[in-house]
Protein backbone atom coordinates (compact mmCIF):
# COMPACT_ATOMS: atom_id res chain seq x y z
CA MET A 1 25.06 -2.83 7.27
CA LYS A 2 22.59 -3.84 10.02
CA ASN A 3 20.62 -0.27 9.53
CA SER A 4 20.83 -0.83 5.84
CA LYS A 5 18.95 -4.54 6.49
CA ILE A 6 16.67 -2.96 8.55
CA LYS A 7 15.64 0.46 6.03
CA LEU A 8 15.30 -2.17 3.54
CA ILE A 9 12.76 -4.60 5.10
CA LEU A 10 11.13 -1.28 6.00
CA ILE A 11 11.15 -0.39 2.45
CA LEU A 12 9.95 -3.64 0.92
CA SER A 13 7.60 -3.91 4.01
CA THR A 14 6.16 -0.31 2.77
CA VAL A 15 5.97 -1.01 -1.12
CA LEU A 16 4.37 -4.48 -0.36
CA LEU A 17 1.70 -2.63 2.02
CA LEU A 18 0.60 -0.40 -0.96
CA LEU A 19 0.54 -2.94 -3.56
CA PHE A 20 -1.84 -5.53 -1.50
CA THR A 21 -3.89 -2.16 -0.29
CA SER A 22 -4.10 -0.93 -4.10
CA LEU A 23 -5.09 -4.79 -4.91
CA ASN A 24 -7.87 -4.71 -2.29
CA VAL A 25 -9.48 -1.56 -3.80
CA PHE A 26 -8.97 -2.85 -7.52
CA THR A 27 -10.27 -6.26 -6.59
CA SER A 28 -13.15 -4.40 -4.88
CA TYR A 29 -14.26 -2.11 -8.02
CA VAL A 30 -13.88 -5.26 -10.21
CA LYS A 31 -16.14 -7.27 -8.18
CA MET A 32 -18.19 -4.56 -7.61
CA LYS A 33 -18.83 -4.39 -11.22
CA ARG A 34 -19.24 -7.93 -11.74
CA THR A 35 -21.93 -7.89 -9.07
CA VAL A 36 -23.71 -5.33 -11.15
CA GLU A 37 -23.62 -7.18 -14.20
CA GLU A 38 -24.68 -10.60 -12.41
CA SER A 39 -27.86 -8.55 -11.16
CA ILE A 40 -28.81 -7.03 -14.15
CA GLY A 41 -28.66 -10.50 -15.75
CA SER A 42 -30.60 -12.17 -12.73
CA GLN A 43 -33.07 -9.32 -13.11
CA SER A 44 -33.52 -9.55 -16.94
CA LEU A 45 -33.84 -12.98 -16.63
CA GLU A 46 -36.82 -12.70 -14.35
CA ALA A 47 -38.53 -10.68 -16.71
CA ALA A 48 -38.01 -13.15 -19.58
CA LYS A 49 -39.61 -15.75 -17.53
CA SER A 50 -42.43 -13.09 -17.17
CA ILE A 51 -42.83 -12.69 -21.05
CA ALA A 52 -42.35 -16.34 -21.94
CA SER A 53 -45.21 -17.11 -19.56
CA THR A 54 -47.76 -14.58 -20.68
CA LEU A 55 -47.06 -15.34 -24.24
CA ASP A 56 -49.98 -16.64 -26.36
CA ILE A 57 -48.52 -20.32 -26.96
CA GLU A 58 -50.98 -21.30 -29.22
CA THR A 59 -50.49 -18.17 -31.70
CA TYR A 60 -46.72 -19.04 -31.37
CA GLU A 61 -47.42 -22.69 -32.08
CA GLN A 62 -49.20 -21.44 -35.59
CA PHE A 63 -46.86 -19.34 -36.41
CA LEU A 64 -44.36 -22.02 -36.13
CA LYS A 65 -46.02 -24.39 -38.37
CA ASP A 66 -45.83 -21.56 -41.30
CA PRO A 67 -42.59 -19.26 -39.94
CA VAL A 68 -43.50 -16.40 -42.00
CA ARG A 69 -44.79 -12.67 -41.60
CA ASN A 70 -48.70 -13.46 -41.15
CA GLU A 71 -50.89 -12.61 -38.80
CA TYR A 72 -49.56 -14.61 -36.04
CA TYR A 73 -46.19 -13.32 -36.71
CA TRP A 74 -47.29 -9.57 -36.28
CA GLU A 75 -49.41 -10.20 -33.34
CA LEU A 76 -46.76 -11.88 -31.17
CA ARG A 77 -44.15 -9.17 -32.69
CA SER A 78 -46.27 -6.55 -31.77
CA TYR A 79 -46.44 -7.91 -27.87
CA LEU A 80 -42.56 -8.47 -27.92
CA ASN A 81 -41.63 -4.97 -29.31
CA ASP A 82 -44.28 -3.59 -26.42
CA ALA A 83 -42.08 -5.34 -23.77
CA ARG A 84 -39.23 -4.67 -25.20
CA GLU A 85 -40.37 -0.90 -24.81
CA LYS A 86 -40.97 -1.36 -21.51
CA LEU A 87 -37.92 -2.96 -20.04
CA GLY A 88 -35.92 -0.41 -22.00
CA ALA A 89 -34.11 -3.64 -23.80
CA LEU A 90 -32.40 -3.50 -27.22
CA TYR A 91 -34.47 -6.60 -28.54
CA VAL A 92 -36.90 -8.68 -27.55
CA TYR A 93 -37.13 -11.88 -29.39
CA THR A 94 -37.60 -15.69 -29.68
CA LEU A 95 -35.29 -18.36 -30.80
CA LYS A 96 -35.54 -21.84 -32.31
CA ILE A 97 -32.73 -23.76 -30.96
CA ASP A 98 -32.90 -27.53 -32.70
CA ASN A 99 -28.72 -28.17 -32.50
CA PRO A 100 -26.12 -27.52 -29.44
CA LYS A 101 -23.89 -24.78 -31.49
CA VAL A 102 -26.48 -22.23 -33.33
CA SER A 103 -29.69 -20.74 -32.75
CA LYS A 104 -31.87 -18.83 -35.15
CA ALA A 105 -34.04 -15.89 -34.01
CA MET A 106 -38.00 -16.34 -35.27
CA ILE A 107 -39.88 -13.18 -34.33
CA ALA A 108 -38.12 -9.97 -32.99
CA GLY A 109 -39.14 -7.22 -31.29
CA VAL A 110 -37.20 -4.49 -32.72
CA PRO A 111 -37.24 -0.50 -33.74
CA GLN A 112 -39.58 -0.20 -36.80
CA GLU A 113 -36.88 0.96 -38.93
CA LEU A 114 -34.87 -2.11 -38.23
CA GLU A 115 -37.65 -4.32 -39.14
CA GLU A 116 -36.97 -4.73 -42.48
CA GLY A 117 -33.85 -5.90 -42.37
CA PHE A 118 -34.66 -8.57 -39.99
CA ILE A 119 -34.48 -12.33 -41.53
CA ILE A 120 -36.74 -14.92 -39.96
CA GLY A 121 -34.19 -18.30 -39.17
CA GLU A 122 -31.27 -16.04 -39.16
CA ALA A 123 -28.50 -17.27 -37.18
CA CYS A 124 -28.32 -15.62 -34.04
CA THR A 125 -25.24 -14.29 -32.02
CA VAL A 126 -25.88 -16.02 -28.88
CA PRO A 127 -22.39 -17.58 -28.21
CA GLU A 128 -22.21 -21.37 -28.30
CA LYS A 129 -22.01 -21.77 -24.44
CA GLN A 130 -25.22 -20.36 -23.87
CA VAL A 131 -26.82 -21.93 -26.98
CA LYS A 132 -25.86 -25.96 -25.42
CA ARG A 133 -27.37 -25.09 -22.10
CA ALA A 134 -30.45 -23.61 -24.09
CA TYR A 135 -30.57 -26.96 -25.93
CA GLU A 136 -30.26 -28.81 -22.83
CA GLY A 137 -33.07 -26.35 -21.41
CA LYS A 138 -31.78 -24.54 -19.20
CA THR A 139 -31.51 -20.66 -18.77
CA TYR A 140 -28.66 -18.37 -19.76
CA VAL A 141 -27.29 -15.18 -19.25
CA THR A 142 -24.30 -14.32 -21.00
CA GLY A 143 -21.32 -11.49 -20.02
CA VAL A 144 -21.16 -8.34 -22.08
CA ILE A 145 -21.03 -9.55 -26.12
CA GLU A 146 -18.80 -7.28 -28.27
CA ASP A 147 -20.54 -7.53 -31.67
CA PRO A 148 -19.36 -5.55 -34.57
CA ILE A 149 -22.82 -5.43 -36.23
CA TYR A 150 -25.01 -5.15 -33.13
CA GLY A 151 -22.62 -3.51 -30.31
CA SER A 152 -22.03 -4.66 -26.83
CA TYR A 153 -24.55 -6.15 -25.30
CA LEU A 154 -25.82 -8.67 -22.20
CA SER A 155 -28.27 -11.45 -23.49
CA VAL A 156 -30.48 -13.99 -21.24
CA GLY A 157 -32.63 -16.48 -22.63
CA VAL A 158 -35.34 -18.49 -20.94
CA PRO A 159 -37.41 -21.68 -22.31
CA ILE A 160 -40.72 -21.19 -24.10
CA LYS A 161 -43.29 -24.14 -22.96
CA ASP A 162 -46.41 -25.46 -23.88
CA GLU A 163 -49.27 -26.58 -22.21
CA ALA A 164 -47.83 -29.56 -22.03
CA GLY A 165 -44.26 -28.64 -20.50
CA LYS A 166 -42.51 -29.06 -23.81
CA VAL A 167 -40.00 -26.27 -24.47
CA ILE A 168 -41.09 -25.15 -28.13
CA GLY A 169 -38.74 -22.05 -28.43
CA TYR A 170 -36.38 -19.64 -26.16
CA LEU A 171 -37.34 -16.30 -25.51
CA GLY A 172 -34.21 -14.02 -25.23
CA ILE A 173 -33.71 -10.12 -23.99
CA ASP A 174 -30.44 -8.29 -24.93
CA LEU A 175 -29.60 -5.16 -22.91
CA SER A 176 -27.16 -2.50 -24.47
CA ALA A 177 -24.15 -2.39 -22.44
CA ASP A 178 -24.59 1.53 -22.49
CA THR A 179 -27.45 0.78 -19.98
CA ILE A 180 -25.52 -1.51 -18.34
CA ASN A 181 -22.46 1.02 -17.80
CA ASP A 182 -24.98 3.73 -17.07
CA ILE A 183 -26.13 1.48 -13.90
CA LYS A 184 -22.46 0.67 -13.27
CA ARG A 185 -21.77 4.10 -12.88
CA GLU A 186 -24.78 4.91 -10.72
CA VAL A 187 -23.46 2.24 -8.38
CA LEU A 188 -20.20 3.09 -8.50
CA GLU A 189 -20.97 6.99 -7.80
CA ASN A 190 -23.13 6.14 -5.18
CA ASN A 191 -20.10 3.83 -3.20
CA LEU A 192 -17.70 6.63 -3.96
CA PHE A 193 -17.67 7.61 -0.54
CA LEU A 194 -16.41 3.67 0.33
CA PHE A 195 -13.40 3.86 -2.52
CA ILE A 196 -12.41 7.27 -0.82
CA PHE A 197 -12.67 5.81 2.80
CA ASN A 198 -10.42 3.20 1.21
CA GLY A 199 -7.99 5.31 -0.19
CA VAL A 200 -7.48 7.70 2.92
CA PHE A 201 -7.39 4.36 5.34
CA ILE A 202 -4.71 3.27 2.97
CA LEU A 203 -2.86 6.84 3.62
CA ILE A 204 -3.63 6.56 7.10
CA VAL A 205 -2.58 3.31 7.51
CA VAL A 206 0.65 3.87 5.16
CA GLY A 207 1.41 7.43 7.23
CA SER A 208 1.22 5.04 10.75
CA PHE A 209 3.81 2.69 9.29
CA LEU A 210 6.27 5.53 8.01
CA PHE A 211 5.66 7.45 11.40
CA LEU A 212 6.37 4.03 12.99
CA GLN A 213 9.33 3.41 11.14
CA ARG A 214 10.92 6.65 11.38
CA TRP A 215 10.16 6.33 15.12
CA TYR A 216 11.56 2.78 15.24
CA GLN A 217 14.79 4.15 13.52
CA LYS A 218 15.10 7.19 16.13
CA GLU A 219 14.74 4.83 18.99
CA VAL A 220 17.52 2.52 17.57
CA THR A 221 19.71 5.09 16.73
CA LYS A 222 19.42 6.45 20.61
CA GLU A 223 19.71 3.05 21.75
CA ILE A 224 23.28 2.66 19.69
CA GLY A 225 24.05 5.92 20.55
CA ASP A 226 23.65 5.45 24.43
CA THR A 227 25.58 2.03 24.04
CA GLU A 228 28.45 3.43 22.21
CA ASP A 229 28.69 6.26 24.40
CA THR A 230 28.92 3.88 27.73
CA TYR A 231 31.29 1.27 25.51
CA GLN A 232 33.21 3.93 24.20
CA ALA A 233 34.17 5.28 28.24
CA GLU A 234 34.58 1.71 29.29
CA ILE A 235 37.13 1.32 26.45
CA LYS A 236 38.68 4.49 26.86
CA THR A 237 38.91 3.34 30.78
CA LEU A 238 40.13 0.34 29.95
CA ILE A 239 43.06 1.82 27.93
CA THR A 240 44.35 3.81 30.65
CA SER A 241 44.62 1.12 33.03
CA VAL A 242 46.56 -0.72 30.48
CA SER A 243 48.80 1.81 29.90
CA SER A 244 48.83 2.03 33.75
CA LEU A 245 49.72 -1.48 34.19
CA LYS A 246 52.22 -1.63 31.54
CA HIS A 247 53.87 1.59 33.33
CA ASP A 248 53.45 -0.46 36.45
CA PHE A 249 54.79 -3.21 34.81
CA THR A 250 58.07 -2.12 33.65
CA ASN A 251 58.29 -0.44 37.46
CA HIS A 252 57.91 -3.81 38.95
CA ILE A 253 60.76 -5.15 36.51
CA GLN A 254 63.16 -2.50 37.24
CA VAL A 255 62.75 -3.23 41.12
CA LEU A 256 63.09 -7.13 40.57
CA HIS A 257 66.14 -6.28 38.38
CA GLY A 258 67.80 -4.19 40.93
CA LEU A 259 67.18 -6.64 43.81
CA LEU A 260 68.47 -9.59 41.93
CA GLN A 261 71.73 -7.39 41.01
CA LEU A 262 71.97 -6.75 44.69
CA GLY A 263 71.61 -10.27 45.52
CA GLN A 264 68.72 -9.54 47.66
CA TYR A 265 66.90 -12.59 46.54
CA GLY A 266 64.40 -13.11 49.48
CA GLN A 267 63.31 -9.63 49.08
CA ALA A 268 62.68 -10.43 45.09
CA GLN A 269 60.51 -13.48 46.27
CA GLN A 270 58.37 -11.55 48.55
CA TYR A 271 58.15 -8.83 45.98
CA LEU A 272 57.12 -11.40 43.26
CA LEU A 273 54.89 -13.05 45.95
CA SER A 274 52.56 -9.89 46.56
CA LEU A 275 52.47 -9.28 42.86
CA SER A 276 51.03 -12.62 42.32
CA LYS A 277 48.42 -11.66 45.11
CA GLU A 278 46.95 -8.69 43.26
CA VAL A 279 46.73 -10.63 40.05
CA GLN A 280 44.70 -13.27 42.09
CA ALA A 281 42.63 -10.74 43.46
CA ILE A 282 41.90 -9.65 40.13
CA GLU A 283 41.43 -13.08 38.45
CA SER A 284 39.25 -13.70 41.36
CA LEU A 285 36.49 -11.76 39.85
CA LYS A 286 35.97 -13.75 36.81
CA TYR A 287 35.50 -17.06 38.85
CA ASN A 288 32.66 -15.60 41.36
CA ILE A 289 30.20 -13.60 38.68
CA ASP A 290 27.93 -15.71 36.38
CA HIS A 291 26.87 -12.57 34.06
CA PRO A 292 29.83 -12.50 31.58
CA GLY A 293 29.30 -8.77 30.50
CA LEU A 294 28.95 -7.46 34.32
CA SER A 295 31.93 -9.90 34.96
CA ILE A 296 34.14 -7.80 32.38
CA LEU A 297 32.87 -4.25 33.45
CA LEU A 298 33.65 -4.93 37.21
CA GLN A 299 37.27 -6.23 36.16
CA THR A 300 37.70 -3.02 34.14
CA LYS A 301 36.82 -0.97 36.74
CA LYS A 302 38.77 -2.75 39.65
CA LEU A 303 41.94 -1.76 37.21
CA ALA A 304 40.56 1.72 37.20
CA ALA A 305 40.19 2.36 40.60
CA GLN A 306 43.84 0.43 41.58
CA ASN A 307 45.25 3.18 39.22
CA TYR A 308 43.60 6.00 41.59
CA ASN A 309 44.66 3.84 44.98
CA ILE A 310 40.98 3.27 45.49
CA ASP A 311 40.19 0.10 47.77
CA MET A 312 37.06 -1.29 45.66
CA ASP A 313 34.92 -4.34 47.04
CA PHE A 314 32.60 -6.69 45.29
CA THR A 315 29.68 -8.47 46.48
CA ILE A 316 27.92 -9.88 43.73
CA SER A 317 25.27 -12.55 44.19
CA ASP A 318 25.49 -16.02 42.02
CA ASP A 319 22.81 -15.00 39.48
CA ALA A 320 22.76 -14.63 35.47
CA PHE A 321 20.88 -11.05 35.81
CA ASN A 322 19.00 -12.24 32.56
CA LYS A 323 15.85 -10.16 33.29
CA ILE A 324 17.24 -6.76 32.36
CA LYS A 325 19.15 -6.27 29.01
CA THR A 326 22.67 -6.73 29.28
CA THR A 327 23.35 -3.18 27.81
CA ASP A 328 21.00 -1.52 30.10
CA LEU A 329 22.57 -3.45 33.16
CA ILE A 330 26.26 -2.14 32.29
CA LYS A 331 25.12 1.61 31.81
CA ILE A 332 23.42 1.25 35.05
CA LEU A 333 26.68 0.26 37.11
CA SER A 334 29.07 1.48 34.39
CA ASN A 335 27.54 5.74 35.22
CA LEU A 336 26.79 4.59 39.00
CA ILE A 337 30.58 3.33 39.48
CA ASP A 338 32.27 6.28 37.69
CA ASN A 339 30.42 8.98 39.47
CA ALA A 340 31.39 7.29 42.84
CA MET A 341 35.37 7.20 41.45
CA GLU A 342 35.13 10.84 40.74
CA ALA A 343 33.81 11.81 44.36
CA THR A 344 36.25 9.32 45.89
CA ILE A 345 39.32 10.38 43.95
CA GLU A 346 38.92 14.34 45.62
CA LEU A 347 39.77 12.42 49.07
CA PRO A 348 43.49 11.40 50.21
CA GLU A 349 44.46 8.20 49.04
CA SER A 350 43.90 6.66 52.44
CA GLU A 351 40.05 7.46 52.44
CA ARG A 352 39.51 6.40 48.84
CA LYS A 353 37.23 3.24 49.17
CA ILE A 354 33.70 2.01 47.29
CA THR A 355 31.70 -1.17 47.74
CA ILE A 356 29.59 -2.81 45.32
CA PHE A 357 26.83 -5.01 45.96
CA GLY A 358 24.35 -6.67 43.97
CA GLU A 359 21.78 -9.43 44.64
CA ALA A 360 18.41 -11.36 42.82
CA ASP A 361 16.05 -12.54 45.15
CA GLU A 362 12.75 -13.53 44.35
CA THR A 363 11.17 -10.35 43.19
CA HIS A 364 14.05 -7.97 42.82
CA TYR A 365 17.60 -6.69 41.47
CA VAL A 366 19.52 -4.87 44.10
CA PHE A 367 22.48 -2.79 43.35
CA MET A 368 24.15 -0.93 45.45
CA ILE A 369 27.28 1.39 45.20
CA THR A 370 28.66 2.92 48.36
CA ASN A 371 31.36 5.66 48.12
CA THR A 372 33.41 7.92 50.68
CA GLY A 373 33.29 11.27 49.92
CA THR A 374 31.70 14.64 50.46
CA LYS A 375 27.98 15.19 50.76
CA ILE A 376 25.75 15.95 47.71
CA THR A 377 23.83 19.10 48.57
CA GLU A 378 21.34 19.13 45.97
CA ASN A 379 19.74 15.79 45.70
CA GLU A 380 16.34 17.03 43.88
CA HIS A 381 18.78 18.20 40.82
CA ILE A 382 20.85 15.52 40.32
CA PHE A 383 18.45 13.07 37.92
CA LYS A 384 18.37 15.99 35.59
CA ARG A 385 20.25 16.05 31.84
CA GLY A 386 22.71 18.12 32.05
CA TYR A 387 23.32 18.84 35.67
CA SER A 388 26.37 18.14 37.10
CA THR A 389 28.29 19.17 40.37
CA LYS A 390 31.44 19.33 38.40
CA LYS A 391 32.87 21.69 35.96
CA GLY A 392 32.97 19.61 32.47
CA GLU A 393 36.09 19.62 30.10
CA LYS A 394 36.45 21.87 27.16
CA GLY A 395 34.05 20.02 24.89
CA LYS A 396 32.91 17.29 27.01
CA VAL A 397 29.21 17.29 28.03
CA ARG A 398 28.24 16.32 31.52
CA GLY A 399 25.73 15.63 33.61
CA GLN A 400 24.07 12.48 31.65
CA GLY A 401 25.09 9.64 33.81
CA LEU A 402 22.52 9.62 36.28
CA PHE A 403 19.70 10.80 33.89
CA ILE A 404 20.67 7.97 31.86
CA VAL A 405 20.25 5.70 34.37
CA LYS A 406 16.84 7.05 35.87
CA GLU A 407 15.65 6.55 32.26
CA ILE A 408 16.85 2.73 32.29
CA VAL A 409 15.12 2.18 35.65
CA LYS A 410 12.23 3.66 34.81
CA LYS A 411 11.89 1.46 31.63
CA TYR A 412 12.08 -1.76 33.89
CA ASN A 413 9.55 0.02 36.69
CA GLY A 414 12.50 0.22 38.89
CA LYS A 415 13.27 2.88 41.66
CA ILE A 416 16.63 4.67 42.58
CA SER A 417 17.33 6.57 45.50
CA ILE A 418 20.75 8.58 46.64
CA ASP A 419 21.79 8.95 50.09
CA SER A 420 24.62 11.16 51.22
CA ASN A 421 26.10 12.33 54.35
CA ASP A 422 29.40 13.94 55.15
CA LEU A 423 30.96 10.37 55.31
CA GLU A 424 29.64 8.31 52.35
CA THR A 425 27.22 8.34 49.32
CA ILE A 426 24.93 5.36 48.82
CA ALA A 427 23.23 4.56 45.56
CA ILE A 428 20.41 1.87 45.31
CA VAL A 429 18.53 0.74 42.35
CA LYS A 430 15.87 -1.55 42.51
CA ILE A 431 14.25 -3.27 39.83
CA PRO A 432 11.32 -5.46 39.72
CA LEU A 433 11.41 -9.04 38.41
CA ARG A 434 7.48 -8.87 37.46
């Protein structure tokens, strides 16, 4: 269930990452197109100001007195058409704006074939929003206008002023959307590398994310596997110990029953007293160790040691050992104690002894497991994966314990050493606290 939730979170994170990065690229694309339009509009506005400032104002004022196709009209039309051709615009024209809603075209620089269709004073297609700005004496720039008659174009306008600074009309320029799109296309092509880079960057980010996802899942699986192996071994040991206790309990009951039947009440009482001392020895572990997991582990190992008639003693300092993960601490001590028990079992019962020592000072955790047994002759190989001094049972992989311990100790920048002689073997683990 937990792994499914983690997988779901990772999938959702990947989808959101793709969504947001794609949205970022799309936003950059739209912003770039808008920037091109704004830039073209700004340049056209400057061109309109230049044309308006060089327009023959006196001639235009004479035309406005009688707005027909007279000599003043043709003179100004020639000037506007020349400006249109130089700019590469659709139209360059003058406007009359006497209300905030509709503007009227007065003189237009248009291609010769369109001249006959032009009507002086005809309502212009400049949107009402821009007409209102012009009516207030401001310049205007439209977006791309979709017109069913004149096509798609962008329009700008600036005031035409007389010598006294009074606005007597407006000069407008229309630019074809095709021209604007050509410029956009050129800009986008020039920035193609940027879009490719963003795309590659997204792929790298997503690829890295997926790689980290797989790595994380692999590490989690490995961690769970190691932890499960350790606890499976502990559960098996505990089950064996409980079965042994059940067997011993039955034997004890039979002995007590026999003593009571024979009337040996004193011996029965002594027998119960000795059993009580054994139980108290095991119970004392719970009250002397602050770390719950460590307390349970040592109780389990104590029961297992009793099954093999191993004398096992503990000296654990009053510390929570919270600078190391519980699972790691259990794996270290469980593997070391199991190795010690395997070595000790080969000796006669009277020589089987294991001592477990753990303390915490200001700089280190120190754990020392000492066991009687034969000398280990190949110290340089004992930490390698798969190495074991014993032949494994069929279907059982051996030689993993000390390798696992070394890897965990290494993770905490600690040290492990094994010192062995003809009488005993001592395993020492030191974990720095910083």
